[in-house]
Amino acid sequence: MTAITLRKGALKFMPEAADRRKRMTEEMKKSVRQAAERLFITRGYEAVTMREIAKEAGCSHTAIYLYFKNKEDLLQQIAIPSLLELEHSMLRKLEEGSGDRAAALVELLKAHVVFCLTHGSLHTVLFNAGSVRVDEDAPELEINQIRKRLFDHIGKALHLALSAHQQLPETGEEAVNRARILFYYVQGYVATYTNHREPVDQLLSRTLPYFELGIRTMVSGMQTALHSDLPAD
């Protein structure tokens, strides 16, 4: 009877021990991700080693590989969930603004800058760490595939806004370069206000109106330039 009771107690203990180990694993993975974020922000992704991340997280330099295959894997686990959240928001803005193409572009870019300013300096890691060219056809890493899609969404929204009064090719070097010009403007705004002392909500309320004016001015200028390039009748 006693042996049976002991076996039942052991069976009850096993799931509890497994749950505890799982919680400890998740807590350590979270600590490693947070340590990596801090080091990537302060020192740059390329300069930081897995050994340094492990030390910062209070983890042995060998045990860290139980949780993350390598630094690229760690970066992707940090960045991909947030980037997919941004992509979902951008696509929703495109769908909601299908009637007014210029407004859809503005709202999509607002979603982008709100995301960046809300994430502070971390946004540089999310977008730049281990990045490749946006015109690369098939990026190897999933994180760069998502980054390329985000840029393509901006390019598509710009194309729709510019095509309201004339037909334009959606792809090609000129289309990519127009999207680059717009993206440089957006990133300039983000860089200006990242880690600003003013609360983000208050900052956005104050600055988004002329951020929007800048977008509309750029679109208008591009439309004028494209129209002047058209052959005369």
C-alpha atoms as a PDB file:
ATOM      1  CA  MET A   1       0.000   0.000   0.000  1.00  0.00           C
ATOM      2  CA  THR A   2       2.810   2.338   0.930  1.00  0.00           C
ATOM      3  CA  ALA A   3       4.644   1.612  -2.336  1.00  0.00           C
ATOM      4  CA  ILE A   4       1.502   2.345  -4.340  1.00  0.00           C
ATOM      5  CA  THR A   5       1.010   5.614  -2.445  1.00  0.00           C
ATOM      6  CA  LEU A   6       4.627   6.606  -3.113  1.00  0.00           C
ATOM      7  CA  ARG A   7       4.279   5.865  -6.812  1.00  0.00           C
ATOM      8  CA  LYS A   8       1.133   7.998  -7.014  1.00  0.00           C
ATOM      9  CA  GLY A   9       2.957  10.812  -5.242  1.00  0.00           C
ATOM     10  CA  ALA A  10       5.851  10.554  -7.667  1.00  0.00           C
ATOM     11  CA  LEU A  11       3.499  10.661 -10.647  1.00  0.00           C
ATOM     12  CA  LYS A  12       1.880  13.781  -9.224  1.00  0.00           C
ATOM     13  CA  PHE A  13       5.282  15.364  -8.685  1.00  0.00           C
ATOM     14  CA  MET A  14       6.531  14.742 -12.227  1.00  0.00           C
ATOM     15  CA  PRO A  15       4.162  17.173 -14.032  1.00  0.00           C
ATOM     16  CA  GLU A  16       4.834  19.820 -11.372  1.00  0.00           C
ATOM     17  CA  ALA A  17       8.595  19.430 -11.858  1.00  0.00           C
ATOM     18  CA  ALA A  18       8.177  19.613 -15.633  1.00  0.00           C
ATOM     19  CA  ASP A  19       6.085  22.787 -15.319  1.00  0.00           C
ATOM     20  CA  ARG A  20       8.700  24.331 -13.046  1.00  0.00           C
ATOM     21  CA  ARG A  21      11.506  23.503 -15.486  1.00  0.00           C
ATOM     22  CA  LYS A  22       9.444  24.981 -18.326  1.00  0.00           C
ATOM     23  CA  ARG A  23       8.879  28.207 -16.358  1.00  0.00           C
ATOM     24  CA  MET A  24      12.595  28.439 -15.559  1.00  0.00           C
ATOM     25  CA  THR A  25      13.453  27.907 -19.218  1.00  0.00           C
ATOM     26  CA  GLU A  26      11.038  30.631 -20.344  1.00  0.00           C
ATOM     27  CA  GLU A  27      12.345  33.016 -17.678  1.00  0.00           C
ATOM     28  CA  MET A  28      15.944  32.422 -18.770  1.00  0.00           C
ATOM     29  CA  LYS A  29      15.047  32.880 -22.447  1.00  0.00           C
ATOM     30  CA  LYS A  30      13.339  36.152 -21.545  1.00  0.00           C
ATOM     31  CA  SER A  31      16.413  37.276 -19.586  1.00  0.00           C
ATOM     32  CA  VAL A  32      18.662  36.448 -22.547  1.00  0.00           C
ATOM     33  CA  ARG A  33      16.415  38.339 -24.980  1.00  0.00           C
ATOM     34  CA  GLN A  34      16.338  41.386 -22.710  1.00  0.00           C
ATOM     35  CA  ALA A  35      20.113  41.276 -22.243  1.00  0.00           C
ATOM     36  CA  ALA A  36      20.595  41.017 -26.007  1.00  0.00           C
ATOM     37  CA  GLU A  37      18.279  43.977 -26.618  1.00  0.00           C
ATOM     38  CA  ARG A  38      20.266  46.147 -24.200  1.00  0.00           C
ATOM     39  CA  LEU A  39      23.618  45.193 -25.717  1.00  0.00           C
ATOM     40  CA  PHE A  40      22.411  45.487 -29.325  1.00  0.00           C
ATOM     41  CA  ILE A  41      21.098  48.992 -28.592  1.00  0.00           C
ATOM     42  CA  THR A  42      24.170  50.261 -26.740  1.00  0.00           C
ATOM     43  CA  ARG A  43      26.969  48.542 -28.671  1.00  0.00           C
ATOM     44  CA  GLY A  44      25.478  47.443 -31.981  1.00  0.00           C
ATOM     45  CA  TYR A  45      24.434  44.027 -33.204  1.00  0.00           C
ATOM     46  CA  GLU A  46      27.659  43.197 -35.054  1.00  0.00           C
ATOM     47  CA  ALA A  47      29.920  44.050 -32.093  1.00  0.00           C
ATOM     48  CA  VAL A  48      28.161  41.907 -29.494  1.00  0.00           C
ATOM     49  CA  THR A  49      29.006  38.229 -28.956  1.00  0.00           C
ATOM     50  CA  MET A  50      26.875  35.414 -27.584  1.00  0.00           C
ATOM     51  CA  ARG A  51      29.323  35.057 -24.685  1.00  0.00           C
ATOM     52  CA  GLU A  52      28.742  38.708 -23.721  1.00  0.00           C
ATOM     53  CA  ILE A  53      24.982  38.277 -23.951  1.00  0.00           C
ATOM     54  CA  ALA A  54      25.154  35.190 -21.723  1.00  0.00           C
ATOM     55  CA  LYS A  55      27.194  37.082 -19.129  1.00  0.00           C
ATOM     56  CA  GLU A  56      24.779  40.012 -19.171  1.00  0.00           C
ATOM     57  CA  ALA A  57      21.846  37.623 -18.699  1.00  0.00           C
ATOM     58  CA  GLY A  58      23.496  35.663 -15.875  1.00  0.00           C
ATOM     59  CA  CYS A  59      23.713  32.535 -18.014  1.00  0.00           C
ATOM     60  CA  SER A  60      26.738  30.352 -18.809  1.00  0.00           C
ATOM     61  CA  HIS A  61      28.296  30.832 -22.237  1.00  0.00           C
ATOM     62  CA  THR A  62      27.458  27.225 -23.096  1.00  0.00           C
ATOM     63  CA  ALA A  63      23.922  27.091 -21.679  1.00  0.00           C
ATOM     64  CA  ILE A  64      22.790  30.006 -23.867  1.00  0.00           C
ATOM     65  CA  TYR A  65      22.978  27.667 -26.868  1.00  0.00           C
ATOM     66  CA  LEU A  66      20.318  25.477 -25.260  1.00  0.00           C
ATOM     67  CA  TYR A  67      17.882  28.354 -25.805  1.00  0.00           C
ATOM     68  CA  PHE A  68      19.143  30.007 -29.003  1.00  0.00           C
ATOM     69  CA  LYS A  69      20.999  28.399 -31.894  1.00  0.00           C
ATOM     70  CA  ASN A  70      23.135  31.462 -32.605  1.00  0.00           C
ATOM     71  CA  LYS A  71      23.023  35.269 -32.604  1.00  0.00           C
ATOM     72  CA  GLU A  72      20.887  35.406 -35.739  1.00  0.00           C
ATOM     73  CA  ASP A  73      18.326  33.098 -34.131  1.00  0.00           C
ATOM     74  CA  LEU A  74      18.282  35.303 -31.039  1.00  0.00           C
ATOM     75  CA  LEU A  75      17.817  38.462 -33.130  1.00  0.00           C
ATOM     76  CA  GLN A  76      14.940  36.894 -35.031  1.00  0.00           C
ATOM     77  CA  GLN A  77      13.161  35.795 -31.862  1.00  0.00           C
ATOM     78  CA  ILE A  78      13.466  39.358 -30.545  1.00  0.00           C
ATOM     79  CA  ALA A  79      12.372  41.149 -33.707  1.00  0.00           C
ATOM     80  CA  ILE A  80       9.962  38.994 -35.695  1.00  0.00           C
ATOM     81  CA  PRO A  81       6.897  39.164 -33.397  1.00  0.00           C
ATOM     82  CA  SER A  82       7.069  42.984 -33.286  1.00  0.00           C
ATOM     83  CA  LEU A  83       7.669  43.331 -37.028  1.00  0.00           C
ATOM     84  CA  LEU A  84       4.735  41.054 -37.827  1.00  0.00           C
ATOM     85  CA  GLU A  85       2.562  43.173 -35.536  1.00  0.00           C
ATOM     86  CA  LEU A  86       3.628  46.269 -37.485  1.00  0.00           C
ATOM     87  CA  GLU A  87       2.944  44.539 -40.800  1.00  0.00           C
ATOM     88  CA  HIS A  88      -0.567  43.629 -39.665  1.00  0.00           C
ATOM     89  CA  SER A  89      -1.196  47.256 -38.702  1.00  0.00           C
ATOM     90  CA  MET A  90       0.136  48.566 -42.027  1.00  0.00           C
ATOM     91  CA  LEU A  91      -1.983  46.155 -44.061  1.00  0.00           C
ATOM     92  CA  ARG A  92      -5.055  47.144 -42.087  1.00  0.00           C
ATOM     93  CA  LYS A  93      -4.377  50.812 -42.869  1.00  0.00           C
ATOM     94  CA  LEU A  94      -4.081  49.979 -46.566  1.00  0.00           C
ATOM     95  CA  GLU A  95      -7.413  48.151 -46.550  1.00  0.00           C
ATOM     96  CA  GLU A  96      -9.219  50.851 -44.564  1.00  0.00           C
ATOM     97  CA  GLY A  97      -7.980  53.645 -46.838  1.00  0.00           C
ATOM     98  CA  SER A  98      -8.682  52.005 -50.181  1.00  0.00           C
ATOM     99  CA  GLY A  99     -11.003  54.868 -51.203  1.00  0.00           C
ATOM    100  CA  ASP A 100      -8.506  57.685 -50.571  1.00  0.00           C
ATOM    101  CA  ARG A 101      -5.086  56.545 -51.733  1.00  0.00           C
ATOM    102  CA  ALA A 102      -3.118  59.501 -50.382  1.00  0.00           C
ATOM    103  CA  ALA A 103      -4.826  59.163 -47.000  1.00  0.00           C
ATOM    104  CA  ALA A 104      -4.055  55.441 -46.945  1.00  0.00           C
ATOM    105  CA  LEU A 105      -0.363  56.204 -47.513  1.00  0.00           C
ATOM    106  CA  VAL A 106      -0.369  58.766 -44.711  1.00  0.00           C
ATOM    107  CA  GLU A 107      -2.062  56.393 -42.259  1.00  0.00           C
ATOM    108  CA  LEU A 108       0.292  53.549 -43.157  1.00  0.00           C
ATOM    109  CA  LEU A 109       3.332  55.751 -42.520  1.00  0.00           C
ATOM    110  CA  LYS A 110       1.820  57.048 -39.293  1.00  0.00           C
ATOM    111  CA  ALA A 111       1.534  53.435 -38.118  1.00  0.00           C
ATOM    112  CA  HIS A 112       5.222  52.999 -38.931  1.00  0.00           C
ATOM    113  CA  VAL A 113       6.416  56.055 -36.997  1.00  0.00           C
ATOM    114  CA  VAL A 114       4.163  55.363 -34.007  1.00  0.00           C
ATOM    115  CA  PHE A 115       5.651  51.863 -33.859  1.00  0.00           C
ATOM    116  CA  CYS A 116       9.216  53.209 -34.020  1.00  0.00           C
ATOM    117  CA  LEU A 117       8.764  55.950 -31.429  1.00  0.00           C
ATOM    118  CA  THR A 118       6.917  53.602 -29.081  1.00  0.00           C
ATOM    119  CA  HIS A 119       9.849  51.157 -29.238  1.00  0.00           C
ATOM    120  CA  GLY A 120      12.471  53.870 -28.694  1.00  0.00           C
ATOM    121  CA  SER A 121      16.061  52.945 -29.565  1.00  0.00           C
ATOM    122  CA  LEU A 122      15.052  49.297 -29.982  1.00  0.00           C
ATOM    123  CA  HIS A 123      13.557  50.156 -33.372  1.00  0.00           C
ATOM    124  CA  THR A 124      17.089  50.492 -34.784  1.00  0.00           C
ATOM    125  CA  VAL A 125      17.711  46.868 -33.832  1.00  0.00           C
ATOM    126  CA  LEU A 126      14.372  45.718 -35.218  1.00  0.00           C
ATOM    127  CA  PHE A 127      14.971  47.335 -38.611  1.00  0.00           C
ATOM    128  CA  ASN A 128      18.745  47.529 -39.050  1.00  0.00           C
ATOM    129  CA  ALA A 129      20.524  44.688 -37.232  1.00  0.00           C
ATOM    130  CA  GLY A 130      21.718  42.120 -39.764  1.00  0.00           C
ATOM    131  CA  SER A 131      19.744  43.819 -42.539  1.00  0.00           C
ATOM    132  CA  VAL A 132      20.230  43.497 -46.298  1.00  0.00           C
ATOM    133  CA  ARG A 133      19.266  45.652 -49.282  1.00  0.00           C
ATOM    134  CA  VAL A 134      15.535  46.152 -49.794  1.00  0.00           C
ATOM    135  CA  ASP A 135      15.872  45.301 -53.492  1.00  0.00           C
ATOM    136  CA  GLU A 136      17.389  41.892 -52.766  1.00  0.00           C
ATOM    137  CA  ASP A 137      15.056  39.369 -54.382  1.00  0.00           C
ATOM    138  CA  ALA A 138      15.076  36.551 -51.825  1.00  0.00           C
ATOM    139  CA  PRO A 139      16.605  37.381 -48.440  1.00  0.00           C
ATOM    140  CA  GLU A 140      17.757  34.291 -46.580  1.00  0.00           C
ATOM    141  CA  LEU A 141      16.632  35.195 -43.060  1.00  0.00           C
ATOM    142  CA  GLU A 142      12.949  35.452 -42.177  1.00  0.00           C
ATOM    143  CA  ILE A 143      13.538  38.775 -40.431  1.00  0.00           C
ATOM    144  CA  ASN A 144      14.841  40.286 -43.679  1.00  0.00           C
ATOM    145  CA  GLN A 145      11.962  38.798 -45.636  1.00  0.00           C
ATOM    146  CA  ILE A 146       9.574  40.627 -43.296  1.00  0.00           C
ATOM    147  CA  ARG A 147      11.591  43.857 -43.519  1.00  0.00           C
ATOM    148  CA  LYS A 148      11.432  43.634 -47.312  1.00  0.00           C
ATOM    149  CA  ARG A 149       7.659  43.135 -47.176  1.00  0.00           C
ATOM    150  CA  LEU A 150       7.299  46.203 -44.932  1.00  0.00           C
ATOM    151  CA  PHE A 151       9.250  48.290 -47.425  1.00  0.00           C
ATOM    152  CA  ASP A 152       7.192  46.836 -50.276  1.00  0.00           C
ATOM    153  CA  HIS A 153       3.966  47.820 -48.476  1.00  0.00           C
ATOM    154  CA  ILE A 154       5.238  51.402 -48.333  1.00  0.00           C
ATOM    155  CA  GLY A 155       6.166  51.214 -52.015  1.00  0.00           C
ATOM    156  CA  LYS A 156       2.745  49.843 -52.932  1.00  0.00           C
ATOM    157  CA  ALA A 157       0.926  52.557 -50.959  1.00  0.00           C
ATOM    158  CA  LEU A 158       3.065  55.236 -52.624  1.00  0.00           C
ATOM    159  CA  HIS A 159       2.436  53.713 -56.047  1.00  0.00           C
ATOM    160  CA  LEU A 160      -1.332  53.777 -55.461  1.00  0.00           C
ATOM    161  CA  ALA A 161      -1.190  57.415 -54.343  1.00  0.00           C
ATOM    162  CA  LEU A 162       0.864  58.444 -57.375  1.00  0.00           C
ATOM    163  CA  SER A 163      -1.281  56.421 -59.790  1.00  0.00           C
ATOM    164  CA  ALA A 164      -4.492  58.241 -58.930  1.00  0.00           C
ATOM    165  CA  HIS A 165      -4.230  60.352 -62.103  1.00  0.00           C
ATOM    166  CA  GLN A 166      -1.800  58.422 -64.313  1.00  0.00           C
ATOM    167  CA  GLN A 167      -0.708  54.848 -64.912  1.00  0.00           C
ATOM    168  CA  LEU A 168       2.707  53.915 -63.501  1.00  0.00           C
ATOM    169  CA  PRO A 169       4.624  50.638 -63.306  1.00  0.00           C
ATOM    170  CA  GLU A 170       4.409  49.266 -59.764  1.00  0.00           C
ATOM    171  CA  THR A 171       7.873  47.679 -59.871  1.00  0.00           C
ATOM    172  CA  GLY A 172      11.257  48.594 -61.263  1.00  0.00           C
ATOM    173  CA  GLU A 173      14.214  50.692 -60.175  1.00  0.00           C
ATOM    174  CA  GLU A 174      12.413  54.030 -60.370  1.00  0.00           C
ATOM    175  CA  ALA A 175       9.531  52.775 -58.217  1.00  0.00           C
ATOM    176  CA  VAL A 176      11.982  51.414 -55.622  1.00  0.00           C
ATOM    177  CA  ASN A 177      13.926  54.672 -55.557  1.00  0.00           C
ATOM    178  CA  ARG A 178      10.768  56.737 -55.031  1.00  0.00           C
ATOM    179  CA  ALA A 179       9.905  54.506 -52.080  1.00  0.00           C
ATOM    180  CA  ARG A 180      13.448  54.957 -50.769  1.00  0.00           C
ATOM    181  CA  ILE A 181      13.119  58.752 -50.898  1.00  0.00           C
ATOM    182  CA  LEU A 182       9.897  58.593 -48.905  1.00  0.00           C
ATOM    183  CA  PHE A 183      11.406  56.112 -46.436  1.00  0.00           C
ATOM    184  CA  TYR A 184      14.395  58.423 -45.850  1.00  0.00           C
ATOM    185  CA  TYR A 185      11.956  61.205 -44.936  1.00  0.00           C
ATOM    186  CA  VAL A 186      10.083  58.929 -42.531  1.00  0.00           C
ATOM    187  CA  GLN A 187      13.276  57.706 -40.871  1.00  0.00           C
ATOM    188  CA  GLY A 188      14.481  61.298 -40.519  1.00  0.00           C
ATOM    189  CA  TYR A 189      11.340  62.093 -38.530  1.00  0.00           C
ATOM    190  CA  VAL A 190      11.826  58.983 -36.391  1.00  0.00           C
ATOM    191  CA  ALA A 191      15.510  59.752 -35.731  1.00  0.00           C
ATOM    192  CA  THR A 192      14.654  63.314 -34.717  1.00  0.00           C
ATOM    193  CA  TYR A 193      12.241  62.242 -31.977  1.00  0.00           C
ATOM    194  CA  THR A 194      13.546  58.860 -30.789  1.00  0.00           C
ATOM    195  CA  ASN A 195      13.977  58.963 -26.989  1.00  0.00           C
ATOM    196  CA  HIS A 196      12.628  62.519 -26.875  1.00  0.00           C
ATOM    197  CA  ARG A 197      11.815  63.727 -23.358  1.00  0.00           C
ATOM    198  CA  GLU A 198       8.302  64.700 -24.398  1.00  0.00           C
ATOM    199  CA  PRO A 199       5.761  61.897 -23.780  1.00  0.00           C
ATOM    200  CA  VAL A 200       5.144  59.939 -26.984  1.00  0.00           C
ATOM    201  CA  ASP A 201       1.378  60.619 -27.100  1.00  0.00           C
ATOM    202  CA  GLN A 202       1.922  64.343 -26.657  1.00  0.00           C
ATOM    203  CA  LEU A 203       4.767  64.362 -29.165  1.00  0.00           C
ATOM    204  CA  LEU A 204       2.692  62.584 -31.805  1.00  0.00           C
ATOM    205  CA  SER A 205      -0.276  64.897 -31.252  1.00  0.00           C
ATOM    206  CA  ARG A 206       1.990  67.896 -31.787  1.00  0.00           C
ATOM    207  CA  THR A 207       4.104  66.692 -34.721  1.00  0.00           C
ATOM    208  CA  LEU A 208       1.983  64.302 -36.808  1.00  0.00           C
ATOM    209  CA  PRO A 209       0.053  67.113 -38.564  1.00  0.00           C
ATOM    210  CA  TYR A 210       3.194  68.510 -40.206  1.00  0.00           C
ATOM    211  CA  PHE A 211       4.591  65.002 -40.688  1.00  0.00           C
ATOM    212  CA  GLU A 212       1.438  64.365 -42.767  1.00  0.00           C
ATOM    213  CA  LEU A 213       1.913  67.685 -44.582  1.00  0.00           C
ATOM    214  CA  GLY A 214       5.433  66.608 -45.508  1.00  0.00           C
ATOM    215  CA  ILE A 215       4.182  63.317 -46.966  1.00  0.00           C
ATOM    216  CA  ARG A 216       1.494  65.017 -49.027  1.00  0.00           C
ATOM    217  CA  THR A 217       4.013  67.604 -50.253  1.00  0.00           C
ATOM    218  CA  MET A 218       6.415  64.860 -51.338  1.00  0.00           C
ATOM    219  CA  VAL A 219       3.654  62.970 -53.136  1.00  0.00           C
ATOM    220  CA  SER A 220       2.553  66.161 -54.886  1.00  0.00           C
ATOM    221  CA  GLY A 221       6.120  66.899 -55.929  1.00  0.00           C
ATOM    222  CA  MET A 222       6.592  63.381 -57.275  1.00  0.00           C
ATOM    223  CA  GLN A 223       3.344  63.641 -59.234  1.00  0.00           C
ATOM    224  CA  THR A 224       4.497  66.935 -60.760  1.00  0.00           C
ATOM    225  CA  ALA A 225       7.877  65.459 -61.696  1.00  0.00           C
ATOM    226  CA  LEU A 226       6.279  62.367 -63.220  1.00  0.00           C
ATOM    227  CA  HIS A 227       3.809  64.490 -65.185  1.00  0.00           C
ATOM    228  CA  SER A 228       6.608  66.677 -66.576  1.00  0.00           C
ATOM    229  CA  ASP A 229       8.378  63.532 -67.781  1.00  0.00           C
ATOM    230  CA  LEU A 230       5.397  62.443 -69.838  1.00  0.00           C
ATOM    231  CA  PRO A 231       5.767  62.897 -73.615  1.00  0.00           C
ATOM    232  CA  ALA A 232       3.833  65.833 -75.049  1.00  0.00           C
ATOM    233  CA  ASP A 233       0.744  65.058 -77.143  1.00  0.00           C
END
